Amino acid sequence: MKSIQSIFITRTEIIDKINHFSRRGESFLFAIDFSGEKGFVLSPQEAENKGIRYEIGNLKNDGNHSVKSPLKFDLFPVSFKTYKIAFEKVIHHLKRGDTYLLNLTFPTPLQSNLSLSEIFDISCAPFKLLVPGHFIVFSPEMFIRTEQSLVFSNPMKGTIDAGVPDAEERLMSDEKEFFEHNTIVDLIRNDLSMVSTNVIVTRFRYIDRIHSNRGDLLHMSSEVCGTLPDGFRQRLGELLFTLLPAGSVTGAPKEMTVKIIQETESYDRGFYTGIFGYFDGVNLTSAVSIRFIEETDRGLVFKSGGGITALSSLEREYDEMVQKVYVPVF
């Protein structure tokens, strides 16, 4: 197998290749990093040749493989003191009015007895991607999907431990979570208005349950829909980049919030909080790259975070960041 490094290309090349495939009605798999400056666009055969595995909705390129050993999963999150320093920087910008919602994230080193490929096999998520030697993502969050002339987005904001008494009621009635969710739904509605018309919220605040190796979580999502212009597949690459980065993993207003993220976070997100997806020749299905493990020279690193607002509690946000370090299991 050739080195997988050879698959990565620049922003301009990504746009050109997406346009090339979509204009010809040919299938492709793609991933784009958080900065929008690096990614890959591959035919299904090219992806298979590189050992890249995916499950995106009903589309996947191989079956499950048996994993004999039960998962061992030890995590070493950043200290509360270190998290507090970054959190307080965000609160400073919130009080100044520079941002009113910012997604703050951290890397968490972890140790596991399983390889990325084995974790891929035991994980259960609607959107999964494995790039050997680089990363695995098992995302619960759709970015956009197209259905003929319609485009849908399903922003996810709001998380609670499902084991908490009256968890769903608490999540739905929490003032901070309500503000955070509304802000992102409004942001996604505005984003979709840049590439489509007749944008409406078709489902507002529904709950999904995630089963994980560290207990169940409840996540809150909504669905936003718009009508795409005729011939949108001719410029599908530009359409995607118009919407990047994903609003649910940045915040609002997006441009200024991204700048604050870059100043506050002390690491490179890389492909974490970017997007990935599959075009089947007619329709596109894509996801936000959250629930993400990266393979580094120092071992495995899980990247996670959450939205910070003026109503945020330091302790709760730290706990949520750690809580999101999990593997969704069958």
C-alpha atoms as a PDB file:
ATOM      1  CA  MET A   1       0.000   0.000   0.000  1.00  0.00           C
ATOM      2  CA  LYS A   2       1.330   3.427  -0.939  1.00  0.00           C
ATOM      3  CA  SER A   3       1.850   5.986   1.794  1.00  0.00           C
ATOM      4  CA  ILE A   4      -1.478   7.464   2.824  1.00  0.00           C
ATOM      5  CA  GLN A   5       0.166  10.905   3.039  1.00  0.00           C
ATOM      6  CA  SER A   6      -0.135  11.119  -0.741  1.00  0.00           C
ATOM      7  CA  ILE A   7      -3.920  11.502  -0.528  1.00  0.00           C
ATOM      8  CA  PHE A   8      -3.850  14.942   1.125  1.00  0.00           C
ATOM      9  CA  ILE A   9      -4.366  17.945  -1.151  1.00  0.00           C
ATOM     10  CA  THR A  10      -4.908  21.708  -0.823  1.00  0.00           C
ATOM     11  CA  ARG A  11      -8.119  23.723  -0.633  1.00  0.00           C
ATOM     12  CA  THR A  12      -8.087  24.659  -4.332  1.00  0.00           C
ATOM     13  CA  GLU A  13      -7.434  21.056  -5.344  1.00  0.00           C
ATOM     14  CA  ILE A  14     -10.257  19.839  -3.081  1.00  0.00           C
ATOM     15  CA  ILE A  15     -12.738  22.224  -4.696  1.00  0.00           C
ATOM     16  CA  ASP A  16     -11.618  21.280  -8.218  1.00  0.00           C
ATOM     17  CA  LYS A  17     -11.848  17.532  -7.557  1.00  0.00           C
ATOM     18  CA  ILE A  18     -15.284  17.773  -5.907  1.00  0.00           C
ATOM     19  CA  ASN A  19     -16.549  19.803  -8.858  1.00  0.00           C
ATOM     20  CA  HIS A  20     -15.013  17.320 -11.301  1.00  0.00           C
ATOM     21  CA  PHE A  21     -16.666  14.285  -9.709  1.00  0.00           C
ATOM     22  CA  SER A  22     -20.047  15.941  -9.097  1.00  0.00           C
ATOM     23  CA  ARG A  23     -20.322  17.387 -12.612  1.00  0.00           C
ATOM     24  CA  ARG A  24     -19.731  13.926 -14.043  1.00  0.00           C
ATOM     25  CA  GLY A  25     -22.136  12.289 -11.611  1.00  0.00           C
ATOM     26  CA  GLU A  26     -19.366  10.074 -10.190  1.00  0.00           C
ATOM     27  CA  SER A  27     -19.168   8.875  -6.605  1.00  0.00           C
ATOM     28  CA  PHE A  28     -16.461  10.118  -4.214  1.00  0.00           C
ATOM     29  CA  LEU A  29     -15.429  10.113  -0.569  1.00  0.00           C
ATOM     30  CA  PHE A  30     -13.982  13.266   0.978  1.00  0.00           C
ATOM     31  CA  ALA A  31     -12.716  14.824   4.189  1.00  0.00           C
ATOM     32  CA  ILE A  32     -11.744  18.440   4.931  1.00  0.00           C
ATOM     33  CA  ASP A  33      -9.878  19.674   8.012  1.00  0.00           C
ATOM     34  CA  PHE A  34     -11.062  22.408  10.382  1.00  0.00           C
ATOM     35  CA  SER A  35      -8.948  25.107   8.732  1.00  0.00           C
ATOM     36  CA  GLY A  36     -10.297  24.246   5.285  1.00  0.00           C
ATOM     37  CA  GLU A  37      -6.753  24.079   3.951  1.00  0.00           C
ATOM     38  CA  LYS A  38      -6.192  20.310   3.761  1.00  0.00           C
ATOM     39  CA  GLY A  39      -8.177  17.232   2.866  1.00  0.00           C
ATOM     40  CA  PHE A  40      -8.764  14.483   0.354  1.00  0.00           C
ATOM     41  CA  VAL A  41     -11.229  13.601  -2.390  1.00  0.00           C
ATOM     42  CA  LEU A  42     -11.106   9.991  -3.578  1.00  0.00           C
ATOM     43  CA  SER A  43     -13.099   7.620  -5.723  1.00  0.00           C
ATOM     44  CA  PRO A  44     -14.450   4.608  -3.806  1.00  0.00           C
ATOM     45  CA  GLN A  45     -11.775   2.419  -5.406  1.00  0.00           C
ATOM     46  CA  GLU A  46      -8.988   4.845  -4.476  1.00  0.00           C
ATOM     47  CA  ALA A  47     -10.237   4.903  -0.881  1.00  0.00           C
ATOM     48  CA  GLU A  48     -10.279   1.111  -0.733  1.00  0.00           C
ATOM     49  CA  ASN A  49      -6.768   0.909  -2.179  1.00  0.00           C
ATOM     50  CA  LYS A  50      -5.533   3.169   0.640  1.00  0.00           C
ATOM     51  CA  GLY A  51      -7.212   1.108   3.337  1.00  0.00           C
ATOM     52  CA  ILE A  52      -9.656   3.905   4.181  1.00  0.00           C
ATOM     53  CA  ARG A  53     -12.892   2.610   5.672  1.00  0.00           C
ATOM     54  CA  TYR A  54     -16.208   4.389   6.029  1.00  0.00           C
ATOM     55  CA  GLU A  55     -19.825   3.970   7.011  1.00  0.00           C
ATOM     56  CA  ILE A  56     -21.909   6.996   6.034  1.00  0.00           C
ATOM     57  CA  GLY A  57     -25.590   6.311   6.434  1.00  0.00           C
ATOM     58  CA  ASN A  58     -26.255   3.154   4.438  1.00  0.00           C
ATOM     59  CA  LEU A  59     -23.009   3.505   2.453  1.00  0.00           C
ATOM     60  CA  LYS A  60     -19.983   1.526   3.559  1.00  0.00           C
ATOM     61  CA  ASN A  61     -17.026  -0.116   1.875  1.00  0.00           C
ATOM     62  CA  ASP A  62     -16.602  -3.275   3.939  1.00  0.00           C
ATOM     63  CA  GLY A  63     -18.274  -5.428   6.544  1.00  0.00           C
ATOM     64  CA  ASN A  64     -17.612  -5.561  10.264  1.00  0.00           C
ATOM     65  CA  HIS A  65     -14.622  -7.537  11.508  1.00  0.00           C
ATOM     66  CA  SER A  66     -14.626  -9.475  14.741  1.00  0.00           C
ATOM     67  CA  VAL A  67     -12.739  -7.990  17.691  1.00  0.00           C
ATOM     68  CA  LYS A  68     -11.835 -10.590  20.302  1.00  0.00           C
ATOM     69  CA  SER A  69     -10.650  -8.365  23.148  1.00  0.00           C
ATOM     70  CA  PRO A  70     -13.037  -6.155  25.154  1.00  0.00           C
ATOM     71  CA  LEU A  71     -12.258  -2.454  24.954  1.00  0.00           C
ATOM     72  CA  LYS A  72      -9.917  -0.968  27.536  1.00  0.00           C
ATOM     73  CA  PHE A  73     -10.043   2.806  27.548  1.00  0.00           C
ATOM     74  CA  ASP A  74      -8.002   4.939  29.951  1.00  0.00           C
ATOM     75  CA  LEU A  75      -8.098   8.707  29.513  1.00  0.00           C
ATOM     76  CA  PHE A  76      -5.868  11.466  30.848  1.00  0.00           C
ATOM     77  CA  PRO A  77      -7.749  14.742  30.415  1.00  0.00           C
ATOM     78  CA  VAL A  78      -6.235  18.178  30.733  1.00  0.00           C
ATOM     79  CA  SER A  79      -6.219  19.448  34.313  1.00  0.00           C
ATOM     80  CA  PHE A  80      -9.127  21.499  35.622  1.00  0.00           C
ATOM     81  CA  LYS A  81      -6.649  24.355  36.251  1.00  0.00           C
ATOM     82  CA  THR A  82      -5.513  24.371  32.610  1.00  0.00           C
ATOM     83  CA  TYR A  83      -9.088  24.221  31.351  1.00  0.00           C
ATOM     84  CA  LYS A  84     -10.050  27.092  33.664  1.00  0.00           C
ATOM     85  CA  ILE A  85      -7.423  29.406  32.110  1.00  0.00           C
ATOM     86  CA  ALA A  86      -8.848  28.885  28.611  1.00  0.00           C
ATOM     87  CA  PHE A  87     -12.442  29.074  29.865  1.00  0.00           C
ATOM     88  CA  GLU A  88     -11.808  32.425  31.518  1.00  0.00           C
ATOM     89  CA  LYS A  89     -10.296  33.796  28.302  1.00  0.00           C
ATOM     90  CA  VAL A  90     -13.497  32.834  26.506  1.00  0.00           C
ATOM     91  CA  ILE A  91     -15.645  34.437  29.220  1.00  0.00           C
ATOM     92  CA  HIS A  92     -13.584  37.629  28.813  1.00  0.00           C
ATOM     93  CA  HIS A  93     -14.461  37.752  25.111  1.00  0.00           C
ATOM     94  CA  LEU A  94     -18.099  36.952  25.856  1.00  0.00           C
ATOM     95  CA  LYS A  95     -18.321  39.876  28.276  1.00  0.00           C
ATOM     96  CA  ARG A  96     -16.722  42.172  25.678  1.00  0.00           C
ATOM     97  CA  GLY A  97     -19.307  41.104  23.115  1.00  0.00           C
ATOM     98  CA  ASP A  98     -16.687  39.672  20.744  1.00  0.00           C
ATOM     99  CA  THR A  99     -18.608  36.381  20.676  1.00  0.00           C
ATOM    100  CA  TYR A 100     -21.790  35.091  22.248  1.00  0.00           C
ATOM    101  CA  LEU A 101     -21.119  31.373  21.788  1.00  0.00           C
ATOM    102  CA  LEU A 102     -17.744  29.666  21.380  1.00  0.00           C
ATOM    103  CA  ASN A 103     -16.976  25.959  21.085  1.00  0.00           C
ATOM    104  CA  LEU A 104     -13.932  25.352  23.307  1.00  0.00           C
ATOM    105  CA  THR A 105     -12.069  22.065  22.773  1.00  0.00           C
ATOM    106  CA  PHE A 106      -9.099  20.178  24.196  1.00  0.00           C
ATOM    107  CA  PRO A 107      -7.060  17.063  23.357  1.00  0.00           C
ATOM    108  CA  THR A 108      -7.212  14.156  25.814  1.00  0.00           C
ATOM    109  CA  PRO A 109      -4.414  11.556  25.644  1.00  0.00           C
ATOM    110  CA  LEU A 110      -5.726   8.039  26.038  1.00  0.00           C
ATOM    111  CA  GLN A 111      -4.533   4.473  26.194  1.00  0.00           C
ATOM    112  CA  SER A 112      -6.402   1.570  24.636  1.00  0.00           C
ATOM    113  CA  ASN A 113      -5.678  -2.067  23.967  1.00  0.00           C
ATOM    114  CA  LEU A 114      -7.363  -1.777  20.556  1.00  0.00           C
ATOM    115  CA  SER A 115      -6.086  -0.271  17.306  1.00  0.00           C
ATOM    116  CA  LEU A 116      -7.944   2.433  15.410  1.00  0.00           C
ATOM    117  CA  SER A 117      -9.222  -0.231  13.030  1.00  0.00           C
ATOM    118  CA  GLU A 118     -10.536  -2.358  15.913  1.00  0.00           C
ATOM    119  CA  ILE A 119     -12.192   0.662  17.538  1.00  0.00           C
ATOM    120  CA  PHE A 120     -13.826   1.364  14.163  1.00  0.00           C
ATOM    121  CA  ASP A 121     -15.237  -2.163  14.194  1.00  0.00           C
ATOM    122  CA  ILE A 122     -16.781  -1.975  17.673  1.00  0.00           C
ATOM    123  CA  SER A 123     -18.104   1.588  17.344  1.00  0.00           C
ATOM    124  CA  CYS A 124     -21.646   2.354  16.323  1.00  0.00           C
ATOM    125  CA  ALA A 125     -22.464   5.733  14.754  1.00  0.00           C
ATOM    126  CA  PRO A 126     -24.363   7.002  11.716  1.00  0.00           C
ATOM    127  CA  PHE A 127     -21.158   8.495  10.290  1.00  0.00           C
ATOM    128  CA  LYS A 128     -17.791   6.732  10.608  1.00  0.00           C
ATOM    129  CA  LEU A 129     -14.432   7.212   8.928  1.00  0.00           C
ATOM    130  CA  LEU A 130     -11.052   5.544   9.427  1.00  0.00           C
ATOM    131  CA  VAL A 131      -7.887   6.938   7.824  1.00  0.00           C
ATOM    132  CA  PRO A 132      -5.151   4.413   8.740  1.00  0.00           C
ATOM    133  CA  GLY A 133      -2.275   5.862  10.708  1.00  0.00           C
ATOM    134  CA  HIS A 134      -4.090   9.178  11.120  1.00  0.00           C
ATOM    135  CA  PHE A 135      -7.529   9.211  12.723  1.00  0.00           C
ATOM    136  CA  ILE A 136     -10.916   7.663  13.302  1.00  0.00           C
ATOM    137  CA  VAL A 137     -14.190   9.545  13.684  1.00  0.00           C
ATOM    138  CA  PHE A 138     -17.551   8.133  14.792  1.00  0.00           C
ATOM    139  CA  SER A 139     -19.820  11.146  14.499  1.00  0.00           C
ATOM    140  CA  PRO A 140     -23.459  11.461  15.563  1.00  0.00           C
ATOM    141  CA  GLU A 141     -23.885  14.819  13.779  1.00  0.00           C
ATOM    142  CA  MET A 142     -24.860  15.395  10.169  1.00  0.00           C
ATOM    143  CA  PHE A 143     -23.354  18.438   8.468  1.00  0.00           C
ATOM    144  CA  ILE A 144     -25.419  18.644   5.292  1.00  0.00           C
ATOM    145  CA  ARG A 145     -27.156  16.208   3.008  1.00  0.00           C
ATOM    146  CA  THR A 146     -28.795  16.868  -0.326  1.00  0.00           C
ATOM    147  CA  GLU A 147     -31.953  15.196  -1.573  1.00  0.00           C
ATOM    148  CA  GLN A 148     -32.481  16.167  -5.207  1.00  0.00           C
ATOM    149  CA  SER A 149     -32.890  19.978  -4.993  1.00  0.00           C
ATOM    150  CA  LEU A 150     -33.196  20.154  -1.184  1.00  0.00           C
ATOM    151  CA  VAL A 151     -30.403  20.605   1.341  1.00  0.00           C
ATOM    152  CA  PHE A 152     -30.714  19.607   5.005  1.00  0.00           C
ATOM    153  CA  SER A 153     -28.525  20.326   8.026  1.00  0.00           C
ATOM    154  CA  ASN A 154     -28.901  18.855  11.509  1.00  0.00           C
ATOM    155  CA  PRO A 155     -26.970  20.975  14.041  1.00  0.00           C
ATOM    156  CA  MET A 156     -26.380  19.254  17.369  1.00  0.00           C
ATOM    157  CA  LYS A 157     -26.072  21.358  20.519  1.00  0.00           C
ATOM    158  CA  GLY A 158     -26.965  20.238  24.014  1.00  0.00           C
ATOM    159  CA  THR A 159     -25.680  17.205  25.925  1.00  0.00           C
ATOM    160  CA  ILE A 160     -26.548  15.535  29.220  1.00  0.00           C
ATOM    161  CA  ASP A 161     -25.708  12.293  31.004  1.00  0.00           C
ATOM    162  CA  ALA A 162     -28.689  10.033  30.324  1.00  0.00           C
ATOM    163  CA  GLY A 163     -28.292   8.553  33.805  1.00  0.00           C
ATOM    164  CA  VAL A 164     -29.233  11.814  35.508  1.00  0.00           C
ATOM    165  CA  PRO A 165     -32.793  11.719  36.933  1.00  0.00           C
ATOM    166  CA  ASP A 166     -35.274  13.295  34.468  1.00  0.00           C
ATOM    167  CA  ALA A 167     -32.372  13.819  32.040  1.00  0.00           C
ATOM    168  CA  GLU A 168     -34.424  14.682  28.956  1.00  0.00           C
ATOM    169  CA  GLU A 169     -36.638  17.126  30.837  1.00  0.00           C
ATOM    170  CA  ARG A 170     -33.603  18.794  32.390  1.00  0.00           C
ATOM    171  CA  LEU A 171     -31.905  19.151  29.006  1.00  0.00           C
ATOM    172  CA  MET A 172     -34.994  20.588  27.345  1.00  0.00           C
ATOM    173  CA  SER A 173     -35.622  23.097  30.165  1.00  0.00           C
ATOM    174  CA  ASP A 174     -32.007  24.217  30.734  1.00  0.00           C
ATOM    175  CA  GLU A 175     -31.699  27.946  29.974  1.00  0.00           C
ATOM    176  CA  LYS A 176     -28.061  27.779  28.886  1.00  0.00           C
ATOM    177  CA  GLU A 177     -28.665  24.778  26.591  1.00  0.00           C
ATOM    178  CA  PHE A 178     -31.750  26.473  25.093  1.00  0.00           C
ATOM    179  CA  PHE A 179     -29.770  29.636  24.267  1.00  0.00           C
ATOM    180  CA  GLU A 180     -26.858  27.640  22.857  1.00  0.00           C
ATOM    181  CA  HIS A 181     -29.090  25.487  20.678  1.00  0.00           C
ATOM    182  CA  ASN A 182     -31.119  28.427  19.363  1.00  0.00           C
ATOM    183  CA  THR A 183     -27.949  30.328  18.518  1.00  0.00           C
ATOM    184  CA  ILE A 184     -26.550  27.496  16.407  1.00  0.00           C
ATOM    185  CA  VAL A 185     -29.875  26.782  14.686  1.00  0.00           C
ATOM    186  CA  ASP A 186     -30.075  30.458  13.735  1.00  0.00           C
ATOM    187  CA  LEU A 187     -26.463  30.400  12.524  1.00  0.00           C
ATOM    188  CA  ILE A 188     -27.055  27.294  10.373  1.00  0.00           C
ATOM    189  CA  ARG A 189     -30.220  28.851   8.970  1.00  0.00           C
ATOM    190  CA  ASN A 190     -28.217  31.915   7.954  1.00  0.00           C
ATOM    191  CA  ASP A 191     -25.441  29.733   6.488  1.00  0.00           C
ATOM    192  CA  LEU A 192     -27.870  27.716   4.376  1.00  0.00           C
ATOM    193  CA  SER A 193     -29.398  30.986   3.156  1.00  0.00           C
ATOM    194  CA  MET A 194     -26.061  31.708   1.436  1.00  0.00           C
ATOM    195  CA  VAL A 195     -26.448  28.660  -0.813  1.00  0.00           C
ATOM    196  CA  SER A 196     -30.209  28.019  -0.929  1.00  0.00           C
ATOM    197  CA  THR A 197     -33.644  29.652  -0.710  1.00  0.00           C
ATOM    198  CA  ASN A 198     -36.823  29.047   1.304  1.00  0.00           C
ATOM    199  CA  VAL A 199     -34.792  28.075   4.382  1.00  0.00           C
ATOM    200  CA  ILE A 200     -36.940  26.810   7.244  1.00  0.00           C
ATOM    201  CA  VAL A 201     -36.539  24.840  10.475  1.00  0.00           C
ATOM    202  CA  THR A 202     -38.337  21.553   9.786  1.00  0.00           C
ATOM    203  CA  ARG A 203     -37.653  19.886  13.172  1.00  0.00           C
ATOM    204  CA  PHE A 204     -36.805  21.818  16.322  1.00  0.00           C
ATOM    205  CA  ARG A 205     -35.064  20.339  19.369  1.00  0.00           C
ATOM    206  CA  TYR A 206     -35.352  16.567  19.169  1.00  0.00           C
ATOM    207  CA  ILE A 207     -33.383  14.156  21.347  1.00  0.00           C
ATOM    208  CA  ASP A 208     -31.108  11.257  20.386  1.00  0.00           C
ATOM    209  CA  ARG A 209     -29.642   8.709  22.799  1.00  0.00           C
ATOM    210  CA  ILE A 210     -26.014   7.629  22.361  1.00  0.00           C
ATOM    211  CA  HIS A 211     -24.801   4.327  23.879  1.00  0.00           C
ATOM    212  CA  SER A 212     -21.134   4.476  24.840  1.00  0.00           C
ATOM    213  CA  ASN A 213     -18.476   2.548  26.725  1.00  0.00           C
ATOM    214  CA  ARG A 214     -18.751   5.144  29.511  1.00  0.00           C
ATOM    215  CA  GLY A 215     -22.548   5.290  29.788  1.00  0.00           C
ATOM    216  CA  ASP A 216     -25.379   6.777  27.731  1.00  0.00           C
ATOM    217  CA  LEU A 217     -25.720  10.418  26.683  1.00  0.00           C
ATOM    218  CA  LEU A 218     -28.626  12.454  25.357  1.00  0.00           C
ATOM    219  CA  HIS A 219     -27.963  14.915  22.516  1.00  0.00           C
ATOM    220  CA  MET A 220     -30.276  17.671  21.264  1.00  0.00           C
ATOM    221  CA  SER A 221     -30.543  18.409  17.522  1.00  0.00           C
ATOM    222  CA  SER A 222     -32.706  20.306  15.052  1.00  0.00           C
ATOM    223  CA  GLU A 223     -33.220  20.060  11.278  1.00  0.00           C
ATOM    224  CA  VAL A 224     -32.956  22.983   8.871  1.00  0.00           C
ATOM    225  CA  CYS A 225     -33.929  22.713   5.185  1.00  0.00           C
ATOM    226  CA  GLY A 226     -33.480  24.874   2.061  1.00  0.00           C
ATOM    227  CA  THR A 227     -33.960  24.677  -1.714  1.00  0.00           C
ATOM    228  CA  LEU A 228     -30.791  24.590  -3.811  1.00  0.00           C
ATOM    229  CA  PRO A 229     -30.488  26.415  -7.151  1.00  0.00           C
ATOM    230  CA  ASP A 230     -30.553  24.569 -10.468  1.00  0.00           C
ATOM    231  CA  GLY A 231     -27.130  23.275 -11.445  1.00  0.00           C
ATOM    232  CA  PHE A 232     -25.710  23.343  -7.904  1.00  0.00           C
ATOM    233  CA  ARG A 233     -23.728  20.150  -8.623  1.00  0.00           C
ATOM    234  CA  GLN A 234     -21.633  22.082 -11.124  1.00  0.00           C
ATOM    235  CA  ARG A 235     -20.127  24.033  -8.212  1.00  0.00           C
ATOM    236  CA  LEU A 236     -20.570  21.633  -5.302  1.00  0.00           C
ATOM    237  CA  GLY A 237     -17.022  22.316  -4.071  1.00  0.00           C
ATOM    238  CA  GLU A 238     -17.647  26.038  -3.712  1.00  0.00           C
ATOM    239  CA  LEU A 239     -21.006  25.336  -2.046  1.00  0.00           C
ATOM    240  CA  LEU A 240     -19.358  23.228   0.656  1.00  0.00           C
ATOM    241  CA  PHE A 241     -16.636  25.764   1.399  1.00  0.00           C
ATOM    242  CA  THR A 242     -19.205  28.562   1.637  1.00  0.00           C
ATOM    243  CA  LEU A 243     -20.642  26.720   4.640  1.00  0.00           C
ATOM    244  CA  LEU A 244     -17.320  25.991   6.355  1.00  0.00           C
ATOM    245  CA  PRO A 245     -16.300  25.784   9.098  1.00  0.00           C
ATOM    246  CA  ALA A 246     -19.319  24.072  10.629  1.00  0.00           C
ATOM    247  CA  GLY A 247     -21.196  26.450  12.897  1.00  0.00           C
ATOM    248  CA  SER A 248     -21.894  23.928  15.663  1.00  0.00           C
ATOM    249  CA  VAL A 249     -18.165  23.462  16.337  1.00  0.00           C
ATOM    250  CA  THR A 250     -17.163  27.120  16.064  1.00  0.00           C
ATOM    251  CA  GLY A 251     -19.818  29.479  17.422  1.00  0.00           C
ATOM    252  CA  ALA A 252     -21.276  32.850  16.599  1.00  0.00           C
ATOM    253  CA  PRO A 253     -20.546  35.214  15.036  1.00  0.00           C
ATOM    254  CA  LYS A 254     -18.478  32.689  13.131  1.00  0.00           C
ATOM    255  CA  GLU A 255     -15.566  34.729  11.743  1.00  0.00           C
ATOM    256  CA  MET A 256     -14.631  36.475  14.986  1.00  0.00           C
ATOM    257  CA  THR A 257     -15.258  33.339  17.040  1.00  0.00           C
ATOM    258  CA  VAL A 258     -12.846  31.320  14.893  1.00  0.00           C
ATOM    259  CA  LYS A 259     -10.152  33.942  15.556  1.00  0.00           C
ATOM    260  CA  ILE A 260     -10.731  33.674  19.308  1.00  0.00           C
ATOM    261  CA  ILE A 261     -10.585  29.864  19.098  1.00  0.00           C
ATOM    262  CA  GLN A 262      -7.222  30.072  17.346  1.00  0.00           C
ATOM    263  CA  GLU A 263      -5.903  32.416  20.048  1.00  0.00           C
ATOM    264  CA  THR A 264      -7.310  30.405  22.970  1.00  0.00           C
ATOM    265  CA  GLU A 265      -6.837  26.754  22.098  1.00  0.00           C
ATOM    266  CA  SER A 266      -3.260  25.594  22.519  1.00  0.00           C
ATOM    267  CA  TYR A 267      -3.263  22.830  19.899  1.00  0.00           C
ATOM    268  CA  ASP A 268      -4.053  22.140  16.252  1.00  0.00           C
ATOM    269  CA  ARG A 269      -7.540  20.715  15.717  1.00  0.00           C
ATOM    270  CA  GLY A 270      -6.469  19.192  12.393  1.00  0.00           C
ATOM    271  CA  PHE A 271      -9.287  17.102  10.917  1.00  0.00           C
ATOM    272  CA  TYR A 272     -11.206  17.256  14.192  1.00  0.00           C
ATOM    273  CA  THR A 273     -14.289  19.485  13.729  1.00  0.00           C
ATOM    274  CA  GLY A 274     -13.779  19.461   9.985  1.00  0.00           C
ATOM    275  CA  ILE A 275     -16.231  17.518   7.815  1.00  0.00           C
ATOM    276  CA  PHE A 276     -16.330  14.295   5.817  1.00  0.00           C
ATOM    277  CA  GLY A 277     -18.845  12.670   3.530  1.00  0.00           C
ATOM    278  CA  TYR A 278     -19.835  10.721   0.440  1.00  0.00           C
ATOM    279  CA  PHE A 279     -21.378  11.743  -2.885  1.00  0.00           C
ATOM    280  CA  ASP A 280     -23.225   8.876  -4.587  1.00  0.00           C
ATOM    281  CA  GLY A 281     -23.417  10.503  -8.013  1.00  0.00           C
ATOM    282  CA  VAL A 282     -26.669  12.334  -7.237  1.00  0.00           C
ATOM    283  CA  ASN A 283     -26.853  13.198  -3.536  1.00  0.00           C
ATOM    284  CA  LEU A 284     -24.298  14.217  -0.918  1.00  0.00           C
ATOM    285  CA  THR A 285     -24.274  13.053   2.707  1.00  0.00           C
ATOM    286  CA  SER A 286     -21.768  14.623   5.103  1.00  0.00           C
ATOM    287  CA  ALA A 287     -21.005  14.794   8.813  1.00  0.00           C
ATOM    288  CA  VAL A 288     -19.158  16.984  11.294  1.00  0.00           C
ATOM    289  CA  SER A 289     -15.923  15.317  12.433  1.00  0.00           C
ATOM    290  CA  ILE A 290     -16.650  15.067  16.158  1.00  0.00           C
ATOM    291  CA  ARG A 291     -16.059  12.063  18.464  1.00  0.00           C
ATOM    292  CA  PHE A 292     -12.548  11.869  17.105  1.00  0.00           C
ATOM    293  CA  ILE A 293      -9.388   9.905  17.935  1.00  0.00           C
ATOM    294  CA  GLU A 294      -6.066  10.847  16.362  1.00  0.00           C
ATOM    295  CA  GLU A 295      -2.969   8.681  16.168  1.00  0.00           C
ATOM    296  CA  THR A 296       0.150  10.692  17.034  1.00  0.00           C
ATOM    297  CA  ASP A 297       3.822   9.951  17.685  1.00  0.00           C
ATOM    298  CA  ARG A 298       3.008   9.988  21.406  1.00  0.00           C
ATOM    299  CA  GLY A 299      -0.007   7.714  21.149  1.00  0.00           C
ATOM    300  CA  LEU A 300      -3.749   8.150  20.793  1.00  0.00           C
ATOM    301  CA  VAL A 301      -5.442  11.499  21.445  1.00  0.00           C
ATOM    302  CA  PHE A 302      -9.180  12.067  21.742  1.00  0.00           C
ATOM    303  CA  LYS A 303     -10.386  15.592  20.924  1.00  0.00           C
ATOM    304  CA  SER A 304     -13.575  16.950  22.487  1.00  0.00           C
ATOM    305  CA  GLY A 305     -15.253  20.104  23.742  1.00  0.00           C
ATOM    306  CA  GLY A 306     -18.460  22.057  24.110  1.00  0.00           C
ATOM    307  CA  GLY A 307     -20.162  25.378  23.624  1.00  0.00           C
ATOM    308  CA  ILE A 308     -19.406  28.213  26.075  1.00  0.00           C
ATOM    309  CA  THR A 309     -21.879  31.049  26.668  1.00  0.00           C
ATOM    310  CA  ALA A 310     -22.255  33.760  29.291  1.00  0.00           C
ATOM    311  CA  LEU A 311     -24.505  31.325  31.184  1.00  0.00           C
ATOM    312  CA  SER A 312     -21.890  28.555  31.283  1.00  0.00           C
ATOM    313  CA  SER A 313     -20.654  26.947  34.479  1.00  0.00           C
ATOM    314  CA  LEU A 314     -16.912  26.220  34.555  1.00  0.00           C
ATOM    315  CA  GLU A 315     -17.385  22.899  36.344  1.00  0.00           C
ATOM    316  CA  ARG A 316     -20.181  21.716  34.044  1.00  0.00           C
ATOM    317  CA  GLU A 317     -18.300  22.627  30.872  1.00  0.00           C
ATOM    318  CA  TYR A 318     -15.172  20.824  32.047  1.00  0.00           C
ATOM    319  CA  ASP A 319     -17.232  17.752  32.934  1.00  0.00           C
ATOM    320  CA  GLU A 320     -18.950  17.810  29.530  1.00  0.00           C
ATOM    321  CA  MET A 321     -15.612  18.030  27.707  1.00  0.00           C
ATOM    322  CA  VAL A 322     -14.427  14.922  29.568  1.00  0.00           C
ATOM    323  CA  GLN A 323     -17.793  13.198  29.261  1.00  0.00           C
ATOM    324  CA  LYS A 324     -17.578  13.382  25.475  1.00  0.00           C
ATOM    325  CA  VAL A 325     -14.431  11.239  25.474  1.00  0.00           C
ATOM    326  CA  TYR A 326     -16.104   7.920  24.665  1.00  0.00           C
ATOM    327  CA  VAL A 327     -16.597   5.220  22.067  1.00  0.00           C
ATOM    328  CA  PRO A 328     -20.215   4.695  20.949  1.00  0.00           C
ATOM    329  CA  VAL A 329     -20.783   0.953  21.147  1.00  0.00           C
ATOM    330  CA  PHE A 330     -23.443  -1.464  19.948  1.00  0.00           C
END
